Amino acid sequence: MNHILLDTNILLDRSFRQAPDNAAGIQVLRGCQLRKWNGYATPWSVMTMMYLMDAARDSVDRRIWTKAQIMTEVAGLLTFITLVEGNNGAFTAGFSLGWADWEDAVLYSIAESHPQIEAIVTNDKGFVTRTKKLPGVKAIPPAELTQAAAQK
């Protein structure tokens, strides 16, 4: 697999760095940075990441990141991640799947609308399970991607 769409939670792994839970996600992002994989994300996944970083506070309600740090983080991410768009058709197709998780449904449909994308990398086990039942692109956990690459 060379072309992967990164779920929002994988992008958050980089910014929130809650090791060891996110170690495989960070490995995938590092692999994208090293051009092992071509990583893609949606603009709204990046914006969600920025929003959550901006809203994050420590135990005494102080900002964890400044606006400048958030912009630096995103600028760094965009040096090795390509943004892909979702159009009206992708949203409509996603909603027609009938999934309770709209983000996963639309992300799946966006992946399907970009033929170069071979898999969606996510930490969401429910997303992985739902795509196993479908004929197209599959969602896979980051550890599965890194293990497959290590075996090559």
N, C-alpha and C. Protein backbone atom coordinates (compact mmCIF):
# COMPACT_ATOMS: atom_id res chain seq x y z
N MET A 1 0.83 -1.17 0.00
CA MET A 1 0.00 0.00 0.00
C MET A 1 0.88 1.24 0.00
N ASN A 2 0.68 2.08 -0.98
CA ASN A 2 1.50 3.28 -1.08
C ASN A 2 0.73 4.57 -0.81
N HIS A 3 -0.58 4.56 -1.03
CA HIS A 3 -1.38 5.78 -0.90
C HIS A 3 -2.43 5.58 0.18
N ILE A 4 -2.32 6.36 1.26
CA ILE A 4 -3.20 6.16 2.42
C ILE A 4 -3.87 7.48 2.81
N LEU A 5 -5.13 7.38 3.16
CA LEU A 5 -5.88 8.51 3.69
C LEU A 5 -5.84 8.40 5.21
N LEU A 6 -5.43 9.46 5.86
CA LEU A 6 -5.29 9.45 7.31
C LEU A 6 -6.55 9.99 7.98
N ASP A 7 -7.10 9.19 8.88
CA ASP A 7 -8.25 9.63 9.65
C ASP A 7 -7.80 10.74 10.60
N THR A 8 -8.74 11.54 11.03
CA THR A 8 -8.43 12.65 11.93
C THR A 8 -7.69 12.18 13.17
N ASN A 9 -8.05 11.01 13.69
CA ASN A 9 -7.41 10.55 14.92
C ASN A 9 -5.92 10.24 14.73
N ILE A 10 -5.50 9.92 13.52
CA ILE A 10 -4.07 9.70 13.26
C ILE A 10 -3.34 11.04 13.28
N LEU A 11 -3.95 12.07 12.71
CA LEU A 11 -3.35 13.40 12.77
C LEU A 11 -3.23 13.87 14.22
N LEU A 12 -4.22 13.55 15.02
CA LEU A 12 -4.19 13.94 16.43
C LEU A 12 -3.09 13.20 17.19
N ASP A 13 -2.73 11.99 16.74
CA ASP A 13 -1.64 11.25 17.37
C ASP A 13 -0.36 12.07 17.36
N ARG A 14 -0.12 12.75 16.26
CA ARG A 14 1.10 13.57 16.13
C ARG A 14 1.06 14.74 17.11
N SER A 15 -0.06 15.39 17.20
CA SER A 15 -0.15 16.61 18.00
C SER A 15 -0.34 16.35 19.49
N PHE A 16 -1.06 15.30 19.83
CA PHE A 16 -1.35 15.06 21.24
C PHE A 16 -0.40 14.06 21.88
N ARG A 17 0.36 13.33 21.10
CA ARG A 17 1.47 12.48 21.54
C ARG A 17 1.21 11.77 22.87
N GLN A 18 0.18 10.97 22.91
CA GLN A 18 -0.16 10.23 24.12
C GLN A 18 0.43 8.83 24.05
N ALA A 19 1.74 8.74 24.00
CA ALA A 19 2.44 7.46 23.92
C ALA A 19 2.12 6.64 25.16
N PRO A 20 2.09 5.34 25.10
CA PRO A 20 2.38 4.50 23.94
C PRO A 20 1.16 4.21 23.07
N ASP A 21 0.00 4.73 23.47
CA ASP A 21 -1.23 4.44 22.74
C ASP A 21 -1.17 4.85 21.27
N ASN A 22 -0.42 5.87 20.95
CA ASN A 22 -0.40 6.37 19.59
C ASN A 22 0.88 6.06 18.84
N ALA A 23 1.70 5.16 19.36
CA ALA A 23 3.01 4.88 18.76
C ALA A 23 2.89 4.44 17.29
N ALA A 24 1.95 3.58 16.98
CA ALA A 24 1.80 3.11 15.59
C ALA A 24 1.35 4.25 14.68
N GLY A 25 0.47 5.11 15.17
CA GLY A 25 0.03 6.27 14.38
C GLY A 25 1.18 7.20 14.09
N ILE A 26 2.02 7.43 15.07
CA ILE A 26 3.20 8.28 14.87
C ILE A 26 4.16 7.64 13.88
N GLN A 27 4.29 6.31 13.93
CA GLN A 27 5.14 5.61 12.95
C GLN A 27 4.61 5.81 11.54
N VAL A 28 3.30 5.75 11.37
CA VAL A 28 2.71 5.96 10.04
C VAL A 28 3.00 7.38 9.57
N LEU A 29 2.80 8.36 10.43
CA LEU A 29 3.09 9.74 10.04
C LEU A 29 4.56 9.92 9.72
N ARG A 30 5.42 9.29 10.50
CA ARG A 30 6.87 9.36 10.21
C ARG A 30 7.16 8.70 8.86
N GLY A 31 6.50 7.58 8.58
CA GLY A 31 6.67 6.93 7.28
C GLY A 31 6.23 7.83 6.13
N CYS A 32 5.17 8.58 6.33
CA CYS A 32 4.73 9.54 5.31
C CYS A 32 5.80 10.63 5.14
N GLN A 33 6.34 11.08 6.25
CA GLN A 33 7.36 12.12 6.20
C GLN A 33 8.60 11.63 5.45
N LEU A 34 8.92 10.36 5.60
CA LEU A 34 10.07 9.76 4.92
C LEU A 34 9.73 9.25 3.52
N ARG A 35 8.50 9.50 3.09
CA ARG A 35 7.99 9.10 1.76
C ARG A 35 7.89 7.59 1.58
N LYS A 36 7.75 6.88 2.68
CA LYS A 36 7.47 5.44 2.62
C LYS A 36 6.05 5.23 2.09
N TRP A 37 5.17 6.13 2.52
CA TRP A 37 3.79 6.14 2.05
C TRP A 37 3.45 7.55 1.59
N ASN A 38 2.52 7.64 0.68
CA ASN A 38 1.95 8.93 0.29
C ASN A 38 0.73 9.15 1.17
N GLY A 39 0.83 10.10 2.07
CA GLY A 39 -0.24 10.36 3.02
C GLY A 39 -1.17 11.46 2.55
N TYR A 40 -2.46 11.24 2.74
CA TYR A 40 -3.49 12.20 2.36
C TYR A 40 -4.37 12.47 3.58
N ALA A 41 -4.94 13.65 3.61
CA ALA A 41 -5.91 14.01 4.65
C ALA A 41 -6.90 14.98 4.04
N THR A 42 -8.03 15.13 4.70
CA THR A 42 -9.01 16.11 4.24
C THR A 42 -8.74 17.44 4.94
N PRO A 43 -9.08 18.54 4.30
CA PRO A 43 -8.92 19.84 4.96
C PRO A 43 -9.68 19.91 6.29
N TRP A 44 -10.86 19.31 6.34
CA TRP A 44 -11.63 19.40 7.58
C TRP A 44 -11.02 18.55 8.68
N SER A 45 -10.25 17.49 8.34
CA SER A 45 -9.52 16.75 9.38
C SER A 45 -8.43 17.64 9.97
N VAL A 46 -7.74 18.37 9.10
CA VAL A 46 -6.69 19.28 9.58
C VAL A 46 -7.31 20.40 10.41
N MET A 47 -8.43 20.93 9.96
CA MET A 47 -9.10 22.00 10.72
C MET A 47 -9.60 21.48 12.07
N THR A 48 -10.10 20.26 12.12
CA THR A 48 -10.54 19.67 13.38
C THR A 48 -9.36 19.54 14.34
N MET A 49 -8.22 19.08 13.80
CA MET A 49 -7.02 18.97 14.62
C MET A 49 -6.64 20.34 15.18
N MET A 50 -6.67 21.37 14.32
CA MET A 50 -6.33 22.73 14.76
C MET A 50 -7.30 23.22 15.84
N TYR A 51 -8.57 22.97 15.64
CA TYR A 51 -9.58 23.38 16.61
C TYR A 51 -9.33 22.72 17.97
N LEU A 52 -9.06 21.41 17.96
CA LEU A 52 -8.84 20.70 19.22
C LEU A 52 -7.55 21.15 19.90
N MET A 53 -6.53 21.43 19.11
CA MET A 53 -5.29 21.95 19.69
C MET A 53 -5.54 23.32 20.31
N ASP A 54 -6.30 24.15 19.63
CA ASP A 54 -6.59 25.49 20.13
C ASP A 54 -7.44 25.44 21.40
N ALA A 55 -8.32 24.45 21.49
CA ALA A 55 -9.20 24.33 22.65
C ALA A 55 -8.55 23.63 23.84
N ALA A 56 -7.44 22.93 23.61
CA ALA A 56 -6.81 22.13 24.67
C ALA A 56 -6.26 23.02 25.79
N ARG A 57 -6.56 22.63 27.00
CA ARG A 57 -6.08 23.36 28.18
C ARG A 57 -5.47 22.36 29.16
N ASP A 58 -4.54 22.84 29.97
CA ASP A 58 -3.95 21.99 30.99
C ASP A 58 -4.84 21.97 32.24
N SER A 59 -4.34 21.38 33.30
CA SER A 59 -5.16 21.20 34.51
C SER A 59 -5.51 22.51 35.21
N VAL A 60 -4.81 23.59 34.90
CA VAL A 60 -5.14 24.89 35.49
C VAL A 60 -5.70 25.85 34.43
N ASP A 61 -6.25 25.26 33.37
CA ASP A 61 -6.95 25.98 32.31
C ASP A 61 -6.07 26.94 31.49
N ARG A 62 -4.78 26.58 31.38
CA ARG A 62 -3.89 27.35 30.50
C ARG A 62 -3.83 26.67 29.14
N ARG A 63 -3.68 27.49 28.10
CA ARG A 63 -3.53 26.95 26.74
C ARG A 63 -2.33 26.01 26.70
N ILE A 64 -2.48 24.91 25.99
CA ILE A 64 -1.34 24.00 25.80
C ILE A 64 -0.51 24.46 24.62
N TRP A 65 -1.17 24.96 23.57
CA TRP A 65 -0.47 25.45 22.38
C TRP A 65 -0.85 26.89 22.12
N THR A 66 0.12 27.66 21.67
CA THR A 66 -0.17 29.01 21.20
C THR A 66 -0.65 28.90 19.75
N LYS A 67 -1.24 29.97 19.26
CA LYS A 67 -1.66 29.99 17.85
C LYS A 67 -0.46 29.76 16.94
N ALA A 68 0.68 30.37 17.27
CA ALA A 68 1.89 30.21 16.46
C ALA A 68 2.36 28.76 16.45
N GLN A 69 2.30 28.08 17.57
CA GLN A 69 2.70 26.67 17.63
C GLN A 69 1.77 25.79 16.79
N ILE A 70 0.48 26.10 16.83
CA ILE A 70 -0.49 25.34 16.03
C ILE A 70 -0.19 25.52 14.54
N MET A 71 0.05 26.75 14.14
CA MET A 71 0.36 27.02 12.73
C MET A 71 1.66 26.34 12.31
N THR A 72 2.65 26.31 13.18
CA THR A 72 3.91 25.63 12.88
C THR A 72 3.68 24.13 12.74
N GLU A 73 2.87 23.57 13.61
CA GLU A 73 2.55 22.13 13.55
C GLU A 73 1.87 21.79 12.22
N VAL A 74 0.90 22.59 11.83
CA VAL A 74 0.17 22.33 10.59
C VAL A 74 1.08 22.55 9.38
N ALA A 75 1.87 23.60 9.40
CA ALA A 75 2.80 23.84 8.29
C ALA A 75 3.75 22.67 8.12
N GLY A 76 4.24 22.12 9.22
CA GLY A 76 5.11 20.94 9.15
C GLY A 76 4.39 19.74 8.59
N LEU A 77 3.17 19.51 9.04
CA LEU A 77 2.37 18.40 8.56
C LEU A 77 2.13 18.49 7.05
N LEU A 78 1.86 19.69 6.58
CA LEU A 78 1.54 19.87 5.16
C LEU A 78 2.77 19.77 4.25
N THR A 79 3.95 19.59 4.83
CA THR A 79 5.12 19.34 3.98
C THR A 79 5.16 17.90 3.50
N PHE A 80 4.40 17.02 4.15
CA PHE A 80 4.41 15.62 3.72
C PHE A 80 3.03 14.97 3.63
N ILE A 81 1.99 15.73 3.83
CA ILE A 81 0.61 15.24 3.68
C ILE A 81 -0.06 16.06 2.58
N THR A 82 -0.74 15.39 1.68
CA THR A 82 -1.48 16.06 0.60
C THR A 82 -2.95 16.12 0.99
N LEU A 83 -3.54 17.29 0.84
CA LEU A 83 -4.96 17.44 1.14
C LEU A 83 -5.80 17.01 -0.06
N VAL A 84 -6.86 16.25 0.22
CA VAL A 84 -7.81 15.83 -0.82
C VAL A 84 -9.18 16.37 -0.45
N GLU A 85 -9.90 16.75 -1.46
CA GLU A 85 -11.22 17.34 -1.26
C GLU A 85 -12.32 16.29 -1.29
N GLY A 86 -13.40 16.64 -0.64
CA GLY A 86 -14.62 15.87 -0.73
C GLY A 86 -15.69 16.77 -1.34
N ASN A 87 -16.39 16.27 -2.32
CA ASN A 87 -17.40 17.10 -2.97
C ASN A 87 -18.80 16.69 -2.50
N ASN A 88 -19.81 17.31 -3.07
CA ASN A 88 -21.20 16.99 -2.70
C ASN A 88 -21.50 15.51 -2.87
N GLY A 89 -21.00 14.94 -3.95
CA GLY A 89 -21.25 13.52 -4.22
C GLY A 89 -20.67 12.62 -3.14
N ALA A 90 -19.47 12.95 -2.66
CA ALA A 90 -18.85 12.15 -1.60
C ALA A 90 -19.66 12.25 -0.31
N PHE A 91 -20.14 13.44 0.01
CA PHE A 91 -20.96 13.60 1.21
C PHE A 91 -22.26 12.82 1.08
N THR A 92 -22.90 12.95 -0.06
CA THR A 92 -24.16 12.24 -0.28
C THR A 92 -23.96 10.73 -0.21
N ALA A 93 -22.90 10.25 -0.85
CA ALA A 93 -22.60 8.81 -0.81
C ALA A 93 -22.31 8.35 0.61
N GLY A 94 -21.58 9.17 1.37
CA GLY A 94 -21.29 8.82 2.76
C GLY A 94 -22.55 8.72 3.59
N PHE A 95 -23.43 9.70 3.45
CA PHE A 95 -24.66 9.69 4.23
C PHE A 95 -25.55 8.51 3.84
N SER A 96 -25.49 8.11 2.58
CA SER A 96 -26.33 6.99 2.14
C SER A 96 -25.88 5.65 2.73
N LEU A 97 -24.69 5.60 3.30
CA LEU A 97 -24.24 4.36 3.94
C LEU A 97 -25.04 4.05 5.20
N GLY A 98 -25.65 5.08 5.78
CA GLY A 98 -26.48 4.88 6.97
C GLY A 98 -25.69 4.65 8.25
N TRP A 99 -24.43 5.02 8.27
CA TRP A 99 -23.61 4.85 9.48
C TRP A 99 -23.95 5.93 10.49
N ALA A 100 -23.91 5.58 11.76
CA ALA A 100 -24.13 6.56 12.81
C ALA A 100 -22.97 7.56 12.87
N ASP A 101 -21.77 7.10 12.52
CA ASP A 101 -20.60 7.98 12.54
C ASP A 101 -20.47 8.64 11.17
N TRP A 102 -20.98 9.85 11.06
CA TRP A 102 -20.99 10.56 9.77
C TRP A 102 -19.58 10.85 9.27
N GLU A 103 -18.68 11.19 10.18
CA GLU A 103 -17.31 11.49 9.75
C GLU A 103 -16.70 10.28 9.06
N ASP A 104 -16.83 9.10 9.65
CA ASP A 104 -16.29 7.89 9.03
C ASP A 104 -16.94 7.63 7.67
N ALA A 105 -18.24 7.81 7.59
CA ALA A 105 -18.96 7.55 6.35
C ALA A 105 -18.48 8.48 5.24
N VAL A 106 -18.35 9.75 5.55
CA VAL A 106 -17.91 10.71 4.53
C VAL A 106 -16.44 10.47 4.19
N LEU A 107 -15.62 10.19 5.18
CA LEU A 107 -14.21 9.91 4.91
C LEU A 107 -14.07 8.69 4.00
N TYR A 108 -14.86 7.66 4.27
CA TYR A 108 -14.85 6.47 3.41
C TYR A 108 -15.21 6.85 1.97
N SER A 109 -16.25 7.63 1.82
CA SER A 109 -16.69 8.02 0.47
C SER A 109 -15.68 8.93 -0.22
N ILE A 110 -15.02 9.77 0.53
CA ILE A 110 -13.95 10.58 -0.05
C ILE A 110 -12.83 9.68 -0.55
N ALA A 111 -12.44 8.71 0.25
CA ALA A 111 -11.40 7.76 -0.18
C ALA A 111 -11.82 7.04 -1.45
N GLU A 112 -13.07 6.63 -1.50
CA GLU A 112 -13.58 5.94 -2.68
C GLU A 112 -13.56 6.83 -3.92
N SER A 113 -13.68 8.14 -3.71
CA SER A 113 -13.72 9.05 -4.86
C SER A 113 -12.33 9.45 -5.35
N HIS A 114 -11.31 8.99 -4.68
CA HIS A 114 -9.92 9.25 -5.09
C HIS A 114 -9.26 7.90 -5.38
N PRO A 115 -9.22 7.49 -6.64
CA PRO A 115 -8.75 6.14 -6.99
C PRO A 115 -7.34 5.79 -6.53
N GLN A 116 -6.50 6.78 -6.28
CA GLN A 116 -5.15 6.48 -5.85
C GLN A 116 -5.10 6.00 -4.40
N ILE A 117 -6.12 6.31 -3.62
CA ILE A 117 -6.11 5.94 -2.20
C ILE A 117 -6.44 4.46 -2.07
N GLU A 118 -5.54 3.75 -1.38
CA GLU A 118 -5.65 2.30 -1.24
C GLU A 118 -6.20 1.86 0.11
N ALA A 119 -6.08 2.72 1.12
CA ALA A 119 -6.56 2.37 2.46
C ALA A 119 -6.75 3.64 3.27
N ILE A 120 -7.58 3.52 4.30
CA ILE A 120 -7.77 4.59 5.28
C ILE A 120 -7.12 4.10 6.57
N VAL A 121 -6.23 4.87 7.13
CA VAL A 121 -5.56 4.48 8.37
C VAL A 121 -6.26 5.17 9.53
N THR A 122 -6.70 4.36 10.49
CA THR A 122 -7.50 4.87 11.61
C THR A 122 -7.25 4.06 12.87
N ASN A 123 -7.47 4.68 14.02
CA ASN A 123 -7.45 3.97 15.31
C ASN A 123 -8.85 3.49 15.70
N ASP A 124 -9.83 3.79 14.89
CA ASP A 124 -11.23 3.51 15.19
C ASP A 124 -11.59 2.08 14.77
N LYS A 125 -11.70 1.18 15.74
CA LYS A 125 -11.99 -0.23 15.45
C LYS A 125 -13.34 -0.42 14.75
N GLY A 126 -14.31 0.40 15.11
CA GLY A 126 -15.62 0.32 14.47
C GLY A 126 -15.54 0.65 12.99
N PHE A 127 -14.73 1.64 12.65
CA PHE A 127 -14.53 2.04 11.26
C PHE A 127 -13.90 0.88 10.49
N VAL A 128 -12.89 0.25 11.08
CA VAL A 128 -12.23 -0.90 10.44
C VAL A 128 -13.25 -2.00 10.19
N THR A 129 -14.07 -2.31 11.19
CA THR A 129 -15.07 -3.37 11.06
C THR A 129 -16.09 -3.05 9.98
N ARG A 130 -16.59 -1.81 9.94
CA ARG A 130 -17.60 -1.44 8.95
C ARG A 130 -17.07 -1.57 7.52
N THR A 131 -15.82 -1.21 7.27
CA THR A 131 -15.32 -1.26 5.90
C THR A 131 -14.99 -2.68 5.44
N LYS A 132 -14.82 -3.60 6.37
CA LYS A 132 -14.58 -5.00 5.99
C LYS A 132 -15.76 -5.57 5.22
N LYS A 133 -16.95 -5.03 5.46
CA LYS A 133 -18.17 -5.52 4.83
C LYS A 133 -18.40 -4.91 3.45
N LEU A 134 -17.57 -3.94 3.08
CA LEU A 134 -17.77 -3.23 1.81
C LEU A 134 -16.74 -3.66 0.77
N PRO A 135 -17.07 -3.52 -0.51
CA PRO A 135 -16.17 -4.00 -1.55
C PRO A 135 -14.97 -3.10 -1.83
N GLY A 136 -15.01 -1.84 -1.42
CA GLY A 136 -13.97 -0.88 -1.81
C GLY A 136 -12.82 -0.78 -0.84
N VAL A 137 -12.39 0.45 -0.65
CA VAL A 137 -11.27 0.78 0.23
C VAL A 137 -11.55 0.26 1.64
N LYS A 138 -10.50 -0.23 2.29
CA LYS A 138 -10.64 -0.72 3.67
C LYS A 138 -9.97 0.24 4.63
N ALA A 139 -10.54 0.36 5.81
CA ALA A 139 -9.90 1.08 6.91
C ALA A 139 -9.06 0.08 7.67
N ILE A 140 -7.84 0.48 8.00
CA ILE A 140 -6.94 -0.42 8.72
C ILE A 140 -6.29 0.32 9.89
N PRO A 141 -5.95 -0.41 10.95
CA PRO A 141 -5.26 0.23 12.06
C PRO A 141 -3.81 0.54 11.65
N PRO A 142 -3.21 1.56 12.25
CA PRO A 142 -1.85 1.91 11.89
C PRO A 142 -0.85 0.78 12.12
N ALA A 143 -1.05 -0.01 13.16
CA ALA A 143 -0.12 -1.12 13.43
C ALA A 143 -0.13 -2.14 12.29
N GLU A 144 -1.29 -2.35 11.69
CA GLU A 144 -1.38 -3.30 10.56
C GLU A 144 -0.55 -2.80 9.37
N LEU A 145 -0.62 -1.51 9.12
CA LEU A 145 0.15 -0.93 8.02
C LEU A 145 1.65 -1.02 8.30
N THR A 146 2.06 -0.67 9.50
CA THR A 146 3.50 -0.71 9.81
C THR A 146 4.03 -2.13 9.84
N GLN A 147 3.22 -3.09 10.31
CA GLN A 147 3.66 -4.50 10.33
C GLN A 147 3.80 -5.03 8.91
N ALA A 148 2.87 -4.70 8.04
CA ALA A 148 2.94 -5.15 6.64
C ALA A 148 4.18 -4.57 5.96
N ALA A 149 4.48 -3.32 6.26
CA ALA A 149 5.67 -2.70 5.66
C ALA A 149 6.95 -3.34 6.18
N ALA A 150 6.96 -3.72 7.45
CA ALA A 150 8.14 -4.35 8.05
C ALA A 150 8.41 -5.73 7.47
N GLN A 151 7.36 -6.40 7.01
CA GLN A 151 7.51 -7.75 6.45
C GLN A 151 8.00 -7.75 5.02
N LYS A 152 8.02 -6.58 4.39
CA LYS A 152 8.46 -6.50 2.99
C LYS A 152 9.96 -6.50 2.90
